[in-house]
Protein backbone atom coordinates (compact mmCIF):
# COMPACT_ATOMS: atom_id res chain seq x y z
CA MET A 1 -1.06 -1.63 14.84
CA LYS A 2 0.86 -1.63 11.54
CA VAL A 3 -1.02 -3.30 8.68
CA LEU A 4 0.00 -4.28 5.15
CA VAL A 5 -2.95 -5.10 2.89
CA ALA A 6 -1.51 -7.17 0.04
CA CYS A 7 -3.01 -7.32 -3.45
CA GLU A 8 -5.17 -4.26 -2.93
CA GLU A 9 -5.17 -1.45 -5.49
CA SER A 10 -8.57 -0.05 -4.42
CA GLN A 11 -7.34 0.87 -0.91
CA GLU A 12 -10.78 0.22 0.61
CA VAL A 13 -9.48 -2.12 3.32
CA CYS A 14 -6.46 0.12 3.92
CA LYS A 15 -8.71 3.16 4.43
CA ALA A 16 -10.94 1.19 6.82
CA PHE A 17 -7.94 0.32 9.00
CA ARG A 18 -6.78 3.96 8.91
CA ALA A 19 -10.27 5.10 9.99
CA LYS A 20 -9.82 2.91 13.09
CA GLY A 21 -6.47 4.56 13.88
CA HIS A 22 -4.06 1.97 12.48
CA GLU A 23 -1.01 2.67 10.32
CA SER A 24 -1.99 0.74 7.19
CA TYR A 25 -0.64 0.52 3.68
CA SER A 26 -2.00 -1.12 0.55
CA CYS A 27 0.35 -3.05 -1.72
CA ASP A 28 -0.16 -4.12 -5.31
CA ILE A 29 1.64 -4.30 -8.65
CA GLN A 30 -0.97 -1.86 -10.00
CA GLU A 31 -1.31 1.86 -9.35
CA PRO A 32 -3.72 2.63 -6.47
CA SER A 33 -7.22 3.86 -7.32
CA GLY A 34 -8.18 4.82 -3.76
CA GLY A 35 -6.85 8.36 -3.86
CA HIS A 36 -3.95 7.92 -1.41
CA PRO A 37 -0.77 6.98 -3.29
CA GLU A 38 1.21 7.95 -0.17
CA TRP A 39 -0.36 4.91 1.57
CA HIS A 40 0.47 2.54 -1.29
CA ILE A 41 3.46 0.33 -1.96
CA LEU A 42 3.71 -0.22 -5.70
CA GLY A 43 5.42 -3.58 -6.03
CA ASP A 44 5.57 -7.18 -4.89
CA ALA A 45 3.92 -7.75 -1.49
CA LEU A 46 6.37 -10.56 -0.65
CA VAL A 47 9.28 -8.15 -1.05
CA ALA A 48 7.49 -5.54 1.10
CA ILE A 49 6.84 -8.09 3.87
CA LYS A 50 10.57 -8.79 4.02
CA GLY A 51 11.27 -5.05 4.40
CA GLY A 52 12.33 -4.42 0.83
CA ALA A 53 11.52 -1.25 -1.05
CA SER A 54 9.66 -1.04 -4.32
CA ASP A 55 11.14 0.59 -7.38
CA HIS A 56 8.56 3.37 -7.01
CA ASP A 57 8.62 4.17 -3.25
CA GLY A 58 4.99 5.28 -3.31
CA ARG A 59 5.41 7.55 -6.34
CA THR A 60 2.98 7.28 -9.21
CA ASP A 61 5.21 9.24 -11.63
CA ALA A 62 7.80 6.47 -12.07
């Protein structure tokens, strides 16, 4: 199952879904603190739900 966890910078829920074998991503307007920026969409969750990209595309250097 593909999962988008909106408003989550900690990535705790995202990591729990990944531990169960799901393809999950956290999404927030803040940088992720969970240690997996490659699993994080930095931007508006409503844009991500509609298939839009963030300005950062998972990068934390932008």
